[in-house]
Amino acid sequence: MKSCQAIITSAREMTNNTTFSTSAGLSQNLCVDMLNDGQVFLQTSIINQYPQEFVETQIINVISGQEAYDLPERTFGGSRIIAVYYSCSGYERDYIRLQPRTLIEKDTSDSGYPFFYVRSNQKIYLQPIPLATTGTLKVLYYKELDTLDVPKGVITSQSGSTPFCIVTGK
């Protein structure tokens, strides 16, 4: 697989646009942004064709009286949840699938065993608010690919067996 820098260099050579600066040509940052946009487009196309790809699972401990839980890091699009399951005991056999609902249906005055959730502002809101202290959520979601970037430096030396090294800009 080619590195981000190799793709940019190759594209510059193919289009005879090898000269660039802050005032002329396409900047490195713009090229990287375009590559990241392309990666998101490709991942979206793959997910639409093969929905089982990029699926991850995260277990979240439920806290009694807490309504909102953060979505897992790097959730695709900041919100692509496939399913949310709740277990009042934390045991796999006790998971039940929670139904997704809208923000209008959210009611903070009710508490008990959750049977639905609301996704908003990169959070999952359990409804009713859980009372059990041993519960867990199992969240199935699409994981976003790592963001592309160009190298920022080169390791030129290492001092002994310590993790200290000298990095020079490139």
C-alpha atoms as a PDB file:
ATOM      1  CA  MET A   1       0.000   0.000   0.000  1.00  0.00           C
ATOM      2  CA  LYS A   2       1.298   3.446  -0.872  1.00  0.00           C
ATOM      3  CA  SER A   3       1.836   6.072   1.757  1.00  0.00           C
ATOM      4  CA  CYS A   4      -0.093   9.313   1.678  1.00  0.00           C
ATOM      5  CA  GLN A   5       3.089  11.190   0.767  1.00  0.00           C
ATOM      6  CA  ALA A   6       3.795   8.788  -2.153  1.00  0.00           C
ATOM      7  CA  ILE A   7       0.277   9.302  -3.542  1.00  0.00           C
ATOM      8  CA  ILE A   8       0.628  13.099  -3.364  1.00  0.00           C
ATOM      9  CA  THR A   9       4.071  12.993  -5.009  1.00  0.00           C
ATOM     10  CA  SER A  10       2.788  10.692  -7.764  1.00  0.00           C
ATOM     11  CA  ALA A  11      -0.231  12.930  -8.417  1.00  0.00           C
ATOM     12  CA  ARG A  12       1.998  16.020  -8.559  1.00  0.00           C
ATOM     13  CA  GLU A  13       4.307  14.319 -11.081  1.00  0.00           C
ATOM     14  CA  MET A  14       1.429  13.047 -13.266  1.00  0.00           C
ATOM     15  CA  THR A  15      -0.100  16.524 -13.465  1.00  0.00           C
ATOM     16  CA  ASN A  16       3.210  18.404 -13.795  1.00  0.00           C
ATOM     17  CA  ASN A  17       2.412  20.359 -10.622  1.00  0.00           C
ATOM     18  CA  THR A  18       5.578  19.623  -8.674  1.00  0.00           C
ATOM     19  CA  THR A  19       6.077  23.208  -7.595  1.00  0.00           C
ATOM     20  CA  PHE A  20       3.953  24.372  -4.703  1.00  0.00           C
ATOM     21  CA  SER A  21       4.203  26.859  -1.878  1.00  0.00           C
ATOM     22  CA  THR A  22       1.884  28.672   0.489  1.00  0.00           C
ATOM     23  CA  SER A  23       0.872  31.045  -2.348  1.00  0.00           C
ATOM     24  CA  ALA A  24       0.976  28.767  -5.440  1.00  0.00           C
ATOM     25  CA  GLY A  25      -0.198  25.276  -6.341  1.00  0.00           C
ATOM     26  CA  LEU A  26      -2.022  22.806  -4.118  1.00  0.00           C
ATOM     27  CA  SER A  27      -0.759  22.795  -0.543  1.00  0.00           C
ATOM     28  CA  GLN A  28       0.169  19.553   1.225  1.00  0.00           C
ATOM     29  CA  ASN A  29      -2.699  20.106   3.674  1.00  0.00           C
ATOM     30  CA  LEU A  30      -5.232  20.461   0.853  1.00  0.00           C
ATOM     31  CA  CYS A  31      -3.944  17.255  -0.774  1.00  0.00           C
ATOM     32  CA  VAL A  32      -4.205  15.375   2.528  1.00  0.00           C
ATOM     33  CA  ASP A  33      -7.742  16.748   3.063  1.00  0.00           C
ATOM     34  CA  MET A  34      -8.740  15.524  -0.410  1.00  0.00           C
ATOM     35  CA  LEU A  35      -7.268  12.078   0.269  1.00  0.00           C
ATOM     36  CA  ASN A  36      -9.182  11.874   3.569  1.00  0.00           C
ATOM     37  CA  ASP A  37     -12.402  12.902   1.781  1.00  0.00           C
ATOM     38  CA  GLY A  38     -11.757  10.172  -0.782  1.00  0.00           C
ATOM     39  CA  GLN A  39     -11.161   7.628   1.967  1.00  0.00           C
ATOM     40  CA  VAL A  40     -14.483   8.528   3.637  1.00  0.00           C
ATOM     41  CA  PHE A  41     -16.264   8.220   0.276  1.00  0.00           C
ATOM     42  CA  LEU A  42     -14.707   4.799  -0.346  1.00  0.00           C
ATOM     43  CA  GLN A  43     -15.516   3.571   3.171  1.00  0.00           C
ATOM     44  CA  THR A  44     -19.136   4.737   2.774  1.00  0.00           C
ATOM     45  CA  SER A  45     -19.395   2.895  -0.560  1.00  0.00           C
ATOM     46  CA  ILE A  46     -17.972  -0.290   0.984  1.00  0.00           C
ATOM     47  CA  ILE A  47     -20.339  -0.108   3.977  1.00  0.00           C
ATOM     48  CA  ASN A  48     -23.328   0.420   1.669  1.00  0.00           C
ATOM     49  CA  GLN A  49     -22.367  -2.627  -0.421  1.00  0.00           C
ATOM     50  CA  TYR A  50     -21.028  -4.827   2.411  1.00  0.00           C
ATOM     51  CA  PRO A  51     -22.661  -3.734   5.690  1.00  0.00           C
ATOM     52  CA  GLN A  52     -20.715  -6.278   7.762  1.00  0.00           C
ATOM     53  CA  GLU A  53     -17.375  -4.559   7.051  1.00  0.00           C
ATOM     54  CA  PHE A  54     -15.810  -2.185   9.614  1.00  0.00           C
ATOM     55  CA  VAL A  55     -18.175  -3.384  12.392  1.00  0.00           C
ATOM     56  CA  GLU A  56     -16.767  -3.088  15.914  1.00  0.00           C
ATOM     57  CA  THR A  57     -18.215  -3.825  19.345  1.00  0.00           C
ATOM     58  CA  GLN A  58     -17.656  -1.870  22.536  1.00  0.00           C
ATOM     59  CA  ILE A  59     -18.853  -2.786  26.022  1.00  0.00           C
ATOM     60  CA  ILE A  60     -19.742   0.182  28.257  1.00  0.00           C
ATOM     61  CA  ASN A  61     -20.410  -0.124  31.988  1.00  0.00           C
ATOM     62  CA  VAL A  62     -23.736   1.386  33.001  1.00  0.00           C
ATOM     63  CA  ILE A  63     -23.846   3.665  36.025  1.00  0.00           C
ATOM     64  CA  SER A  64     -27.009   3.848  38.119  1.00  0.00           C
ATOM     65  CA  GLY A  65     -28.826   7.116  37.468  1.00  0.00           C
ATOM     66  CA  GLN A  66     -26.667   8.067  34.470  1.00  0.00           C
ATOM     67  CA  GLU A  67     -28.628   8.712  31.295  1.00  0.00           C
ATOM     68  CA  ALA A  68     -25.956   9.690  28.712  1.00  0.00           C
ATOM     69  CA  TYR A  69     -22.993   7.621  27.462  1.00  0.00           C
ATOM     70  CA  ASP A  70     -20.389   8.675  24.905  1.00  0.00           C
ATOM     71  CA  LEU A  71     -20.376   6.941  21.543  1.00  0.00           C
ATOM     72  CA  PRO A  72     -17.239   4.851  20.968  1.00  0.00           C
ATOM     73  CA  GLU A  73     -14.209   6.732  19.646  1.00  0.00           C
ATOM     74  CA  ARG A  74     -13.884   6.855  15.865  1.00  0.00           C
ATOM     75  CA  THR A  75     -17.533   5.980  15.249  1.00  0.00           C
ATOM     76  CA  PHE A  76     -17.941   6.420  11.493  1.00  0.00           C
ATOM     77  CA  GLY A  77     -19.552   9.738  10.681  1.00  0.00           C
ATOM     78  CA  GLY A  78     -19.700  10.439  14.412  1.00  0.00           C
ATOM     79  CA  SER A  79     -23.001   8.565  14.672  1.00  0.00           C
ATOM     80  CA  ARG A  80     -23.167   5.293  12.678  1.00  0.00           C
ATOM     81  CA  ILE A  81     -24.580   2.943  15.316  1.00  0.00           C
ATOM     82  CA  ILE A  82     -25.796  -0.480  14.169  1.00  0.00           C
ATOM     83  CA  ALA A  83     -27.356  -1.719  17.414  1.00  0.00           C
ATOM     84  CA  VAL A  84     -27.331  -1.138  21.168  1.00  0.00           C
ATOM     85  CA  TYR A  85     -27.889  -3.982  23.647  1.00  0.00           C
ATOM     86  CA  TYR A  86     -28.447  -3.733  27.404  1.00  0.00           C
ATOM     87  CA  SER A  87     -27.736  -6.335  30.090  1.00  0.00           C
ATOM     88  CA  CYS A  88     -28.820  -5.568  33.658  1.00  0.00           C
ATOM     89  CA  SER A  89     -26.363  -8.194  34.961  1.00  0.00           C
ATOM     90  CA  GLY A  90     -23.469  -7.666  32.568  1.00  0.00           C
ATOM     91  CA  TYR A  91     -23.706 -11.307  31.419  1.00  0.00           C
ATOM     92  CA  GLU A  92     -23.793 -12.075  27.696  1.00  0.00           C
ATOM     93  CA  ARG A  93     -26.920 -14.240  28.024  1.00  0.00           C
ATOM     94  CA  ASP A  94     -28.916 -11.308  29.453  1.00  0.00           C
ATOM     95  CA  TYR A  95     -28.444  -8.806  26.603  1.00  0.00           C
ATOM     96  CA  ILE A  96     -31.613  -7.437  25.066  1.00  0.00           C
ATOM     97  CA  ARG A  97     -31.648  -5.213  22.022  1.00  0.00           C
ATOM     98  CA  LEU A  98     -32.724  -1.642  22.728  1.00  0.00           C
ATOM     99  CA  GLN A  99     -34.902   0.060  20.147  1.00  0.00           C
ATOM    100  CA  PRO A 100     -33.733   3.392  18.685  1.00  0.00           C
ATOM    101  CA  ARG A 101     -36.116   6.292  19.251  1.00  0.00           C
ATOM    102  CA  THR A 102     -36.190  10.016  18.565  1.00  0.00           C
ATOM    103  CA  LEU A 103     -35.203  12.911  20.813  1.00  0.00           C
ATOM    104  CA  ILE A 104     -38.873  13.869  21.226  1.00  0.00           C
ATOM    105  CA  GLU A 105     -39.541  10.539  22.970  1.00  0.00           C
ATOM    106  CA  LYS A 106     -36.831  11.133  25.596  1.00  0.00           C
ATOM    107  CA  ASP A 107     -38.181  11.465  29.173  1.00  0.00           C
ATOM    108  CA  THR A 108     -35.728  12.123  32.005  1.00  0.00           C
ATOM    109  CA  SER A 109     -38.343  11.693  34.730  1.00  0.00           C
ATOM    110  CA  ASP A 110     -38.583   7.919  34.282  1.00  0.00           C
ATOM    111  CA  SER A 111     -36.113   5.355  35.634  1.00  0.00           C
ATOM    112  CA  GLY A 112     -35.881   1.560  35.632  1.00  0.00           C
ATOM    113  CA  TYR A 113     -34.631  -0.945  33.049  1.00  0.00           C
ATOM    114  CA  PRO A 114     -33.867   0.699  29.704  1.00  0.00           C
ATOM    115  CA  PHE A 115     -35.794  -0.581  26.702  1.00  0.00           C
ATOM    116  CA  PHE A 116     -34.876   2.098  24.154  1.00  0.00           C
ATOM    117  CA  TYR A 117     -32.140   4.614  23.427  1.00  0.00           C
ATOM    118  CA  VAL A 118     -31.795   7.985  21.737  1.00  0.00           C
ATOM    119  CA  ARG A 119     -28.667   8.928  19.792  1.00  0.00           C
ATOM    120  CA  SER A 120     -27.844  12.637  19.834  1.00  0.00           C
ATOM    121  CA  ASN A 121     -24.708  14.817  20.040  1.00  0.00           C
ATOM    122  CA  GLN A 122     -22.403  11.778  19.793  1.00  0.00           C
ATOM    123  CA  LYS A 123     -24.049  10.276  22.865  1.00  0.00           C
ATOM    124  CA  ILE A 124     -26.404   7.428  23.627  1.00  0.00           C
ATOM    125  CA  TYR A 125     -29.233   8.351  26.009  1.00  0.00           C
ATOM    126  CA  LEU A 126     -30.814   5.377  27.792  1.00  0.00           C
ATOM    127  CA  GLN A 127     -34.539   5.468  28.450  1.00  0.00           C
ATOM    128  CA  PRO A 128     -35.714   4.983  31.059  1.00  0.00           C
ATOM    129  CA  ILE A 129     -32.621   5.967  33.025  1.00  0.00           C
ATOM    130  CA  PRO A 130     -31.077   2.782  34.475  1.00  0.00           C
ATOM    131  CA  LEU A 131     -31.274   1.958  38.180  1.00  0.00           C
ATOM    132  CA  ALA A 132     -29.102  -1.189  38.145  1.00  0.00           C
ATOM    133  CA  THR A 133     -25.431  -0.725  39.060  1.00  0.00           C
ATOM    134  CA  THR A 134     -24.159  -3.916  37.399  1.00  0.00           C
ATOM    135  CA  GLY A 135     -25.458  -3.343  33.880  1.00  0.00           C
ATOM    136  CA  THR A 136     -23.532  -3.043  30.629  1.00  0.00           C
ATOM    137  CA  LEU A 137     -24.203  -1.760  27.143  1.00  0.00           C
ATOM    138  CA  LYS A 138     -22.929  -3.554  24.073  1.00  0.00           C
ATOM    139  CA  VAL A 139     -22.672  -1.107  21.189  1.00  0.00           C
ATOM    140  CA  LEU A 140     -22.204  -2.338  17.608  1.00  0.00           C
ATOM    141  CA  TYR A 141     -20.980   0.442  15.354  1.00  0.00           C
ATOM    142  CA  TYR A 142     -19.050   1.194  12.177  1.00  0.00           C
ATOM    143  CA  LYS A 143     -15.484   2.143  13.027  1.00  0.00           C
ATOM    144  CA  GLU A 144     -13.998   5.001  11.052  1.00  0.00           C
ATOM    145  CA  LEU A 145     -10.652   4.374   9.368  1.00  0.00           C
ATOM    146  CA  ASP A 146      -7.620   6.238  10.708  1.00  0.00           C
ATOM    147  CA  THR A 147      -7.114   9.704   9.263  1.00  0.00           C
ATOM    148  CA  LEU A 148      -4.397   9.952   6.632  1.00  0.00           C
ATOM    149  CA  ASP A 149      -1.430  12.268   7.141  1.00  0.00           C
ATOM    150  CA  VAL A 150       2.069  12.886   5.795  1.00  0.00           C
ATOM    151  CA  PRO A 151       5.178  12.207   7.887  1.00  0.00           C
ATOM    152  CA  LYS A 152       6.191  15.155  10.060  1.00  0.00           C
ATOM    153  CA  GLY A 153       9.767  14.107  10.766  1.00  0.00           C
ATOM    154  CA  VAL A 154      12.425  11.422  10.508  1.00  0.00           C
ATOM    155  CA  ILE A 155      14.079   9.574  13.403  1.00  0.00           C
ATOM    156  CA  THR A 156      17.781  10.176  12.910  1.00  0.00           C
ATOM    157  CA  SER A 157      19.243   8.557  16.015  1.00  0.00           C
ATOM    158  CA  GLN A 158      18.422   6.819  19.270  1.00  0.00           C
ATOM    159  CA  SER A 159      20.247   7.134  22.543  1.00  0.00           C
ATOM    160  CA  GLY A 160      20.923   3.702  24.119  1.00  0.00           C
ATOM    161  CA  SER A 161      17.969   1.617  25.213  1.00  0.00           C
ATOM    162  CA  THR A 162      15.879   4.557  26.431  1.00  0.00           C
ATOM    163  CA  PRO A 163      12.803   5.553  24.415  1.00  0.00           C
ATOM    164  CA  PHE A 164      14.348   8.994  23.733  1.00  0.00           C
ATOM    165  CA  CYS A 165      15.158   9.773  20.101  1.00  0.00           C
ATOM    166  CA  ILE A 166      15.955  12.795  17.960  1.00  0.00           C
ATOM    167  CA  VAL A 167      13.397  13.749  15.315  1.00  0.00           C
ATOM    168  CA  THR A 168      14.203  16.188  12.564  1.00  0.00           C
ATOM    169  CA  GLY A 169      11.610  17.900  10.391  1.00  0.00           C
ATOM    170  CA  LYS A 170      11.209  16.903   6.797  1.00  0.00           C
END
